[in-house]
């Protein structure tokens, strides 16, 4: 079950990287690294239709099949139509699949409705600068005939009247007569949505003003925070403009299919089933990690980088079972622990990542350029330490020494397999059978009951 490391997809140039350059060496090339395939750990994870670097034709075909069951009669030929997306989707498996989902939706809508005034509107987490790299890289400007607009949380707002009061969205994504919401279902920021309204999260974290995002992050325990995006989606303002939603559905092995529905809440139930069935065991396995350190070697912010389809933030928040709705939320009112990196992670080594203030007590740069970037940013934690090596191999040795362990996992955007050190691989292989048994017999029945779901609610998503 232990294999040679899986070489990650090539990194694109980016202005956002620490050190502002591509690395000379990928972390998977470090001596002593290996990989474990997620389907070896859990054979019931379904085969994917696409992974990074593979032909995207199956993704386009899955999008066409999903849209065949969607009613588009509310879209008139003269309507303006906003296809709303989030820049994080382009971090999944090199972004090609998500880009093709968006392009295919545009083509099918034009063919079926006669509408030609379609725009792609892309929400960004912090700034609008991401569009400078994403749009040309995926040919979005050509595909949408120049009608591509990016927006951030500080852009001009618009009041949205909801049953819980006035909430402020960003004006740009809602500036059309009809709206199409295109998302992805990896369990990103599990500690916020708790697989409880995953498909709604964008209405706060992509399409809303910074004030609304702050309410979501800080004013509610994480389970009840989901009332904010749901209130926006169910508002008369949105319902009057609503057309349909689509989601690129994934598993730890890769892209599985594309789903679409006029009813976002019905689609959300299927997304919930997919996440529980196909990610649940991997999430529980991560919760068994011993002391370790992480190596970051991909595009985007370090806590959104993937290993075996799971974001690093899943590991950083793994001391708490966020799926169990009977357990109080870890981030409630008055929550004071703002660390992103928590036990069992003792240090982070950054080979490549988008710049973000150092967020661990021990931060290591892969070379002097990355290290100096880390050191120059304002410390966010007391007793924070920054080190760097002369190269990645030297930095790895520093990480082993400072973290006090040789258990290391690489977040390099991988799906299908996880790159790591051999001791950690041996630990995961040993833990997987008991995790599988406990999840199937104890955890999954409880998680489904809490959400009023049964396996029969989504028979096409049950692993075979």
Protein backbone atom coordinates (compact mmCIF):
# COMPACT_ATOMS: atom_id res chain seq x y z
CA UNK A 1 0.00 0.00 0.00
CA UNK A 2 3.01 2.30 0.23
CA UNK A 3 3.95 3.66 -3.20
CA UNK A 4 6.53 6.09 -4.60
CA UNK A 5 5.48 9.73 -4.25
CA UNK A 6 2.90 11.03 -6.72
CA UNK A 7 4.41 13.93 -8.62
CA UNK A 8 2.03 16.90 -8.30
CA UNK A 9 0.75 18.95 -11.20
CA UNK A 10 3.06 21.76 -12.39
CA UNK A 11 2.71 25.06 -10.57
CA UNK A 12 1.70 28.11 -12.60
CA UNK A 13 3.68 31.35 -12.17
CA UNK A 14 2.04 33.71 -9.67
CA UNK A 15 2.69 37.11 -8.14
CA UNK A 16 1.25 35.82 -4.86
CA UNK A 17 3.88 33.23 -3.92
CA UNK A 18 6.19 33.60 -0.96
CA UNK A 19 9.54 34.54 -2.51
CA UNK A 20 7.63 35.53 -5.68
CA UNK A 21 9.08 32.61 -7.65
CA UNK A 22 8.51 28.97 -8.52
CA UNK A 23 10.41 26.47 -6.35
CA UNK A 24 13.49 24.67 -7.64
CA UNK A 25 12.28 21.39 -6.14
CA UNK A 26 8.86 19.97 -5.29
CA UNK A 27 8.27 18.54 -1.83
CA UNK A 28 7.34 15.14 -3.28
CA UNK A 29 10.94 14.89 -4.52
CA UNK A 30 12.39 15.05 -0.99
CA UNK A 31 14.28 11.92 0.08
CA UNK A 32 12.15 9.51 2.09
CA UNK A 33 8.79 10.58 0.70
CA UNK A 34 6.13 8.09 -0.35
CA UNK A 35 2.43 8.11 -1.22
CA UNK A 36 -0.67 6.25 -0.12
CA UNK A 37 -3.64 5.95 -2.47
CA UNK A 38 -6.94 6.98 -0.96
CA UNK A 39 -8.72 4.05 -2.59
CA UNK A 40 -6.22 1.67 -0.97
CA UNK A 41 -7.15 3.15 2.40
CA UNK A 42 -10.89 3.11 1.65
CA UNK A 43 -11.84 1.01 -1.41
CA UNK A 44 -15.43 2.31 -1.42
CA UNK A 45 -14.30 5.76 -2.62
CA UNK A 46 -15.65 5.85 -6.23
CA UNK A 47 -13.43 6.14 -9.29
CA UNK A 48 -13.14 9.72 -10.61
CA UNK A 49 -13.99 11.00 -14.07
CA UNK A 50 -11.14 13.52 -13.95
CA UNK A 51 -7.97 14.48 -12.08
CA UNK A 52 -5.38 17.20 -12.70
CA UNK A 53 -3.74 16.91 -16.09
CA UNK A 54 -6.35 14.54 -17.53
CA UNK A 55 -8.77 15.11 -20.40
CA UNK A 56 -11.72 17.25 -19.28
CA UNK A 57 -14.16 15.80 -21.85
CA UNK A 58 -15.91 13.67 -19.17
CA UNK A 59 -16.45 16.84 -17.09
CA UNK A 60 -18.10 18.62 -20.01
CA UNK A 61 -20.26 15.58 -20.71
CA UNK A 62 -21.30 15.36 -17.04
CA UNK A 63 -22.21 19.06 -17.09
CA UNK A 64 -24.35 18.60 -20.19
CA UNK A 65 -26.11 15.62 -18.62
CA UNK A 66 -26.82 17.51 -15.39
CA UNK A 67 -28.21 20.54 -17.22
CA UNK A 68 -30.56 18.36 -19.27
CA UNK A 69 -32.74 18.03 -16.15
CA UNK A 70 -32.78 21.76 -15.33
CA UNK A 71 -35.66 24.11 -16.18
CA UNK A 72 -34.34 27.24 -17.94
CA UNK A 73 -37.71 28.63 -19.03
CA UNK A 74 -37.37 31.59 -16.66
CA UNK A 75 -34.49 32.95 -18.77
CA UNK A 76 -35.74 35.09 -21.66
CA UNK A 77 -33.60 35.84 -24.74
CA UNK A 78 -33.13 39.47 -23.74
CA UNK A 79 -32.21 38.82 -20.08
CA UNK A 80 -28.88 39.62 -18.52
CA UNK A 81 -27.55 36.49 -16.80
CA UNK A 82 -24.78 36.33 -14.21
CA UNK A 83 -22.96 33.02 -13.86
CA UNK A 84 -21.60 33.36 -10.32
CA UNK A 85 -18.45 31.50 -9.30
CA UNK A 86 -15.71 31.63 -6.67
CA UNK A 87 -11.98 31.80 -7.35
CA UNK A 88 -11.27 28.94 -4.93
CA UNK A 89 -12.80 26.52 -7.45
CA UNK A 90 -9.79 27.06 -9.68
CA UNK A 91 -7.59 25.56 -6.94
CA UNK A 92 -9.16 22.11 -7.34
CA UNK A 93 -7.08 19.79 -9.52
CA UNK A 94 -5.36 22.64 -11.36
CA UNK A 95 -8.70 24.36 -12.05
CA UNK A 96 -9.31 22.97 -15.55
CA UNK A 97 -12.43 21.01 -14.60
CA UNK A 98 -14.10 23.96 -12.84
CA UNK A 99 -13.30 26.25 -15.78
CA UNK A 100 -14.87 23.76 -18.22
CA UNK A 101 -18.01 23.49 -16.07
CA UNK A 102 -18.43 27.28 -16.30
CA UNK A 103 -17.79 27.38 -20.05
CA UNK A 104 -20.20 24.50 -20.70
CA UNK A 105 -22.97 26.14 -18.67
CA UNK A 106 -22.61 29.30 -20.73
CA UNK A 107 -22.84 27.36 -24.00
CA UNK A 108 -25.86 25.30 -22.96
CA UNK A 109 -27.78 28.32 -21.61
CA UNK A 110 -27.27 30.19 -24.87
CA UNK A 111 -28.36 27.16 -26.92
CA UNK A 112 -31.50 26.49 -24.89
CA UNK A 113 -32.71 30.02 -24.06
CA UNK A 114 -31.42 32.27 -26.81
CA UNK A 115 -30.01 34.61 -24.15
CA UNK A 116 -26.65 36.08 -25.16
CA UNK A 117 -26.02 38.65 -22.43
CA UNK A 118 -24.20 36.24 -20.13
CA UNK A 119 -21.46 37.38 -17.77
CA UNK A 120 -19.06 35.46 -15.57
CA UNK A 121 -18.79 37.10 -12.14
CA UNK A 122 -16.03 35.71 -9.91
CA UNK A 123 -15.86 36.28 -6.17
CA UNK A 124 -12.47 36.52 -4.48
CA UNK A 125 -11.62 35.92 -0.85
CA UNK A 126 -9.77 39.13 -0.12
CA UNK A 127 -8.91 41.16 -3.21
CA UNK A 128 -9.75 41.25 -6.90
CA UNK A 129 -6.17 40.69 -8.04
CA UNK A 130 -6.68 36.93 -8.41
CA UNK A 131 -8.51 37.59 -11.67
CA UNK A 132 -5.30 38.93 -13.24
CA UNK A 133 -3.94 35.38 -13.27
CA UNK A 134 -7.04 33.17 -13.36
CA UNK A 135 -8.86 34.79 -16.29
CA UNK A 136 -6.03 34.55 -18.85
CA UNK A 137 -4.81 31.19 -17.62
CA UNK A 138 -8.13 29.47 -18.32
CA UNK A 139 -9.13 31.50 -21.36
CA UNK A 140 -12.20 32.86 -19.59
CA UNK A 141 -12.13 36.24 -21.32
CA UNK A 142 -12.30 34.58 -24.73
CA UNK A 143 -14.91 32.02 -23.63
CA UNK A 144 -17.19 34.75 -22.24
CA UNK A 145 -16.44 37.25 -25.03
CA UNK A 146 -14.91 39.79 -22.67
CA UNK A 147 -17.76 39.68 -20.15
CA UNK A 148 -15.82 38.58 -17.07
CA UNK A 149 -15.95 40.58 -13.84
CA UNK A 150 -14.23 39.96 -10.52
CA UNK A 151 -15.27 41.38 -7.17
CA UNK A 152 -14.15 41.32 -3.56
CA UNK A 153 -15.75 41.77 -0.14
CA UNK A 154 -14.97 45.49 -0.01
CA UNK A 155 -16.73 46.36 -3.26
CA UNK A 156 -19.90 48.38 -3.46
CA UNK A 157 -22.68 46.71 -1.48
CA UNK A 158 -26.38 46.19 -1.94
CA UNK A 159 -28.95 45.78 0.88
CA UNK A 160 -30.85 42.50 0.84
CA UNK A 161 -33.97 42.29 2.97
CA UNK A 162 -34.26 38.90 4.66
CA UNK A 163 -36.44 37.38 7.36
CA UNK A 164 -33.66 38.08 9.90
CA UNK A 165 -33.11 41.68 8.81
CA UNK A 166 -31.09 43.63 6.24
CA UNK A 167 -27.94 41.86 5.05
CA UNK A 168 -25.42 43.45 2.72
CA UNK A 169 -24.30 41.58 -0.35
CA UNK A 170 -21.84 42.74 -3.00
CA UNK A 171 -23.65 44.52 -5.81
CA UNK A 172 -21.71 43.01 -8.73
CA UNK A 173 -22.79 39.32 -8.56
CA UNK A 174 -26.47 40.27 -8.19
CA UNK A 175 -26.50 42.91 -10.93
CA UNK A 176 -28.26 40.77 -13.55
CA UNK A 177 -31.88 39.83 -14.18
CA UNK A 178 -31.13 36.11 -13.72
CA UNK A 179 -28.61 34.33 -11.50
CA UNK A 180 -26.83 30.98 -11.90
CA UNK A 181 -24.77 29.78 -8.90
CA UNK A 182 -21.86 27.45 -9.81
CA UNK A 183 -20.02 25.86 -6.93
CA UNK A 184 -17.85 22.90 -5.83
CA UNK A 185 -18.34 20.57 -2.89
CA UNK A 186 -14.94 19.80 -1.36
CA UNK A 187 -15.23 20.07 2.45
CA UNK A 188 -13.37 23.39 2.61
CA UNK A 189 -13.60 25.12 6.02
CA UNK A 190 -15.51 22.22 7.51
CA UNK A 191 -15.30 23.93 10.90
CA UNK A 192 -17.62 26.68 9.63
CA UNK A 193 -20.33 24.87 7.65
CA UNK A 194 -20.10 21.44 9.40
CA UNK A 195 -21.55 19.79 6.25
CA UNK A 196 -24.76 21.61 7.04
CA UNK A 197 -25.60 23.85 4.09
CA UNK A 198 -22.28 23.51 2.27
CA UNK A 199 -23.72 24.73 -1.05
CA UNK A 200 -25.02 27.92 0.61
CA UNK A 201 -21.71 29.10 2.03
CA UNK A 202 -20.87 31.19 -1.05
CA UNK A 203 -23.79 33.52 -0.36
CA UNK A 204 -21.82 34.74 2.64
CA UNK A 205 -18.17 34.04 1.86
CA UNK A 206 -18.14 34.88 -1.87
CA UNK A 207 -21.11 37.11 -2.62
CA UNK A 208 -21.43 39.24 0.53
CA UNK A 209 -19.82 42.39 1.88
CA UNK A 210 -17.05 42.15 4.48
CA UNK A 211 -19.51 43.17 7.24
CA UNK A 212 -21.68 40.13 6.45
CA UNK A 213 -18.68 37.83 6.31
CA UNK A 214 -17.63 39.10 9.71
CA UNK A 215 -21.05 38.29 11.16
CA UNK A 216 -20.74 34.76 9.76
CA UNK A 217 -17.23 34.30 11.18
CA UNK A 218 -17.56 35.98 14.55
CA UNK A 219 -21.13 36.48 15.75
CA UNK A 220 -22.50 32.94 15.74
CA UNK A 221 -21.46 29.47 16.80
CA UNK A 222 -20.53 27.79 13.54
CA UNK A 223 -23.62 25.60 13.27
CA UNK A 224 -26.09 28.50 13.52
CA UNK A 225 -23.95 30.75 11.30
CA UNK A 226 -25.51 28.91 8.35
CA UNK A 227 -28.69 30.95 8.82
CA UNK A 228 -26.86 33.93 7.24
CA UNK A 229 -26.24 32.49 3.74
CA UNK A 230 -29.58 30.68 3.79
CA UNK A 231 -31.41 33.90 4.63
CA UNK A 232 -29.75 35.57 1.63
CA UNK A 233 -30.60 32.69 -0.73
CA UNK A 234 -34.23 32.57 0.44
CA UNK A 235 -34.75 36.34 0.26
CA UNK A 236 -37.27 37.72 -2.23
CA UNK A 237 -34.45 39.68 -3.84
CA UNK A 238 -32.62 36.46 -4.81
CA UNK A 239 -35.71 34.37 -5.52
CA UNK A 240 -36.95 36.93 -8.07
CA UNK A 241 -33.66 36.58 -9.98
CA UNK A 242 -32.95 32.89 -9.39
CA UNK A 243 -32.46 30.45 -12.29
CA UNK A 244 -30.55 27.39 -11.07
CA UNK A 245 -27.39 26.09 -9.41
CA UNK A 246 -24.69 23.63 -10.45
CA UNK A 247 -21.90 21.99 -8.49
CA UNK A 248 -18.71 20.19 -9.46
CA UNK A 249 -18.94 17.15 -7.23
CA UNK A 250 -15.71 15.60 -5.97
CA UNK A 251 -14.30 12.81 -3.83
CA UNK A 252 -10.79 12.37 -2.40
CA UNK A 253 -9.99 10.50 -5.63
CA UNK A 254 -10.93 13.38 -7.98
CA UNK A 255 -13.89 14.90 -9.81
CA UNK A 256 -16.82 12.51 -9.62
CA UNK A 257 -19.63 14.23 -11.54
CA UNK A 258 -21.53 17.48 -12.01
CA UNK A 259 -24.92 18.06 -10.40
CA UNK A 260 -27.47 20.78 -11.17
CA UNK A 261 -30.91 21.74 -9.93
CA UNK A 262 -33.34 24.65 -9.87
CA UNK A 263 -33.81 23.93 -6.15
CA UNK A 264 -30.53 24.64 -4.34
CA UNK A 265 -31.78 23.06 -1.12
CA UNK A 266 -32.56 19.78 -2.90
CA UNK A 267 -29.11 19.83 -4.46
CA UNK A 268 -27.59 20.63 -1.07
CA UNK A 269 -29.02 17.41 0.35
CA UNK A 270 -27.22 15.47 -2.38
CA UNK A 271 -24.02 17.42 -1.71
CA UNK A 272 -24.33 16.55 1.98
CA UNK A 273 -24.74 12.86 1.14
CA UNK A 274 -21.71 12.94 -1.16
CA UNK A 275 -19.52 14.62 1.45
CA UNK A 276 -20.54 12.24 4.21
CA UNK A 277 -20.23 9.09 2.11
CA UNK A 278 -17.09 9.91 0.17
CA UNK A 279 -15.13 12.23 2.46
CA UNK A 280 -16.31 11.13 5.90
CA UNK A 281 -13.77 8.36 6.40
CA UNK A 282 -10.87 10.52 5.21
CA UNK A 283 -11.92 13.29 7.60
CA UNK A 284 -12.09 10.82 10.48
CA UNK A 285 -8.70 9.37 9.50
CA UNK A 286 -7.14 12.82 9.63
CA UNK A 287 -8.48 13.14 13.16
CA UNK A 288 -6.23 10.20 14.10
CA UNK A 289 -3.01 11.96 13.08
CA UNK A 290 -0.10 11.82 15.55
CA UNK A 291 2.18 14.83 16.09
CA UNK A 292 3.36 15.98 12.68
CA UNK A 293 4.29 18.93 10.53
CA UNK A 294 2.87 20.06 7.21
CA UNK A 295 4.68 20.92 3.99
CA UNK A 296 2.90 23.37 1.71
CA UNK A 297 3.66 23.09 -1.99
CA UNK A 298 0.78 24.37 -4.10
CA UNK A 299 -0.98 27.49 -5.28
CA UNK A 300 -3.50 29.40 -3.08
CA UNK A 301 -3.37 30.09 0.64
CA UNK A 302 -1.76 27.35 2.68
CA UNK A 303 -4.92 26.35 4.58
CA UNK A 304 -6.77 25.78 1.26
CA UNK A 305 -4.14 23.51 -0.28
CA UNK A 306 -5.18 19.89 -0.82
CA UNK A 307 -3.77 16.47 0.06
CA UNK A 308 -5.88 13.51 -0.97
CA UNK A 309 -8.71 15.94 -1.70
CA UNK A 310 -8.78 17.42 1.81
CA UNK A 311 -7.76 20.98 2.61
CA UNK A 312 -5.05 21.61 5.17
CA UNK A 313 -7.57 23.41 7.38
CA UNK A 314 -9.27 20.03 7.91
CA UNK A 315 -6.10 18.85 9.65
CA UNK A 316 -5.57 22.14 11.47
CA UNK A 317 -9.06 21.87 12.99
CA UNK A 318 -9.01 18.09 13.49
CA UNK A 319 -9.13 18.05 17.29
CA UNK A 320 -12.90 18.65 17.09
CA UNK A 321 -15.54 16.50 15.37
CA UNK A 322 -17.22 19.21 13.34
CA UNK A 323 -19.59 16.81 11.57
CA UNK A 324 -21.32 15.71 14.78
CA UNK A 325 -24.04 18.31 15.30
CA UNK A 326 -24.62 17.14 18.87
CA UNK A 327 -21.19 18.42 19.85
CA UNK A 328 -21.13 22.20 20.48
CA UNK A 329 -19.29 24.22 17.88
CA UNK A 330 -15.62 24.81 18.55
CA UNK A 331 -15.91 28.43 17.41
CA UNK A 332 -18.67 30.02 19.44
CA UNK A 333 -19.24 33.59 20.64
CA UNK A 334 -16.23 34.75 22.58
CA UNK A 335 -13.95 32.32 20.76
CA UNK A 336 -10.44 33.60 21.39
CA UNK A 337 -8.07 31.05 19.82
CA UNK A 338 -7.39 32.65 16.44
CA UNK A 339 -4.64 30.24 15.47
CA UNK A 340 -5.16 28.52 12.16
CA UNK A 341 -2.54 25.86 12.89
CA UNK A 342 -3.35 23.74 15.94
CA UNK A 343 -2.54 20.32 17.40
CA UNK A 344 -1.37 17.86 16.19
CA UNK A 345 0.54 20.10 13.76
CA UNK A 346 3.73 21.33 15.42
CA UNK A 347 5.18 23.33 12.51
CA UNK A 348 4.59 24.36 8.90
CA UNK A 349 7.17 24.31 6.13
CA UNK A 350 6.33 26.49 3.16
CA UNK A 351 7.84 25.53 -0.16
CA UNK A 352 5.16 27.27 -2.19
CA UNK A 353 1.96 29.04 -1.13
CA UNK A 354 0.23 32.32 -1.62
CA UNK A 355 1.38 34.89 0.89
CA UNK A 356 -0.42 34.84 4.20
CA UNK A 357 0.75 36.05 7.62
CA UNK A 358 2.63 33.28 9.44
CA UNK A 359 -0.02 31.42 11.39
CA UNK A 360 1.89 28.69 13.26
CA UNK A 361 4.17 28.96 16.25
CA UNK A 362 6.97 27.44 14.16
CA UNK A 363 7.19 28.57 10.52
CA UNK A 364 9.93 27.38 8.18
CA UNK A 365 10.75 28.72 4.74
CA UNK A 366 12.10 26.40 2.06
CA UNK A 367 14.87 28.86 1.14
CA UNK A 368 16.12 32.32 2.17
CA UNK A 369 13.69 34.18 -0.14
CA UNK A 370 10.66 32.43 1.32
CA UNK A 371 12.05 32.71 4.85
CA UNK A 372 12.65 36.44 4.60
CA UNK A 373 9.11 36.92 3.26
CA UNK A 374 7.79 35.02 6.27
CA UNK A 375 9.91 37.01 8.70
CA UNK A 376 8.93 40.36 7.19
CA UNK A 377 5.23 39.81 7.76
CA UNK A 378 3.76 40.92 11.05
CA UNK A 379 3.65 38.09 13.61
CA UNK A 380 0.13 36.99 14.41
CA UNK A 381 0.92 34.86 17.44
CA UNK A 382 2.97 35.37 20.59
CA UNK A 383 6.18 33.34 20.78
CA UNK A 384 6.18 32.87 17.03
CA UNK A 385 9.39 31.66 15.40
CA UNK A 386 10.46 31.80 11.76
CA UNK A 387 13.34 29.76 10.34
CA UNK A 388 14.55 28.97 6.86
CA UNK A 389 17.02 26.67 5.19
CA UNK A 390 19.45 27.17 2.36
CA UNK A 391 17.21 24.91 0.25
CA UNK A 392 14.19 22.62 0.66
CA UNK A 393 16.21 19.65 1.92
CA UNK A 394 17.86 21.78 4.59
CA UNK A 395 14.50 23.30 5.54
CA UNK A 396 12.99 19.81 5.87
CA UNK A 397 15.73 18.85 8.33
CA UNK A 398 15.05 22.02 10.30
CA UNK A 399 11.34 21.15 10.40
CA UNK A 400 12.05 17.65 11.74
CA UNK A 401 14.24 19.16 14.47
CA UNK A 402 11.90 21.99 15.48
CA UNK A 403 8.69 19.92 15.30
CA UNK A 404 10.27 16.98 17.11
CA UNK A 405 8.84 14.44 14.65
CA UNK A 406 9.47 13.02 11.20
CA UNK A 407 5.75 12.62 10.49
CA UNK A 408 5.13 14.98 7.59
CA UNK A 409 2.26 15.39 5.11
CA UNK A 410 2.54 17.37 1.87
CA UNK A 411 -0.32 19.60 0.73
CA UNK A 412 0.52 19.86 -2.96
CA UNK A 413 -2.94 19.83 -4.54
CA UNK A 414 -3.12 16.05 -4.79
CA UNK A 415 -6.26 13.98 -5.32
CA UNK A 416 -6.17 10.20 -5.48
CA UNK A 417 -3.10 9.87 -3.27
CA UNK A 418 -1.38 11.65 -0.38
CA UNK A 419 2.36 12.35 -0.36
CA UNK A 420 3.97 11.97 3.08
CA UNK A 421 6.83 10.43 5.00
CA UNK A 422 6.90 6.68 5.52
CA UNK A 423 6.22 6.72 9.31
CA UNK A 424 3.04 8.73 8.78
CA UNK A 425 1.99 6.45 5.90
CA UNK A 426 2.40 3.40 8.12
CA UNK A 427 0.28 5.06 10.80
CA UNK A 428 -2.58 5.84 8.39
CA UNK A 429 -2.56 2.36 6.88
CA UNK A 430 -2.78 0.84 10.35
CA UNK A 431 -5.62 3.15 11.40
CA UNK A 432 -7.77 2.87 8.25
CA UNK A 433 -9.58 -0.45 8.97
CA UNK A 434 -10.80 0.64 12.40
CA UNK A 435 -11.73 4.10 11.07
CA UNK A 436 -13.76 2.43 8.31
CA UNK A 437 -15.56 0.13 10.74
CA UNK A 438 -16.37 2.87 13.23
CA UNK A 439 -17.50 5.30 10.55
CA UNK A 440 -19.85 2.81 8.89
CA UNK A 441 -21.30 1.35 12.08
CA UNK A 442 -21.33 4.30 14.48
CA UNK A 443 -20.63 7.70 12.92
CA UNK A 444 -22.39 7.68 9.54
CA UNK A 445 -25.79 6.57 10.95
CA UNK A 446 -25.57 9.35 13.53
CA UNK A 447 -24.52 12.02 11.01
CA UNK A 448 -27.35 11.06 8.65
CA UNK A 449 -29.94 11.04 11.46
CA UNK A 450 -28.85 14.50 12.57
CA UNK A 451 -29.54 15.82 9.08
CA UNK A 452 -32.79 13.90 8.53
CA UNK A 453 -31.16 11.86 5.76
CA UNK A 454 -31.03 8.19 4.86
CA UNK A 455 -28.93 6.38 2.27
CA UNK A 456 -32.06 6.14 0.12
CA UNK A 457 -32.11 9.94 -0.29
CA UNK A 458 -29.28 9.76 -2.81
CA UNK A 459 -29.03 6.24 -4.24
CA UNK A 460 -26.88 7.38 -7.18
CA UNK A 461 -24.24 8.73 -4.79
CA UNK A 462 -23.86 5.61 -2.66
CA UNK A 463 -20.33 4.23 -3.19
CA UNK A 464 -20.13 0.94 -5.06
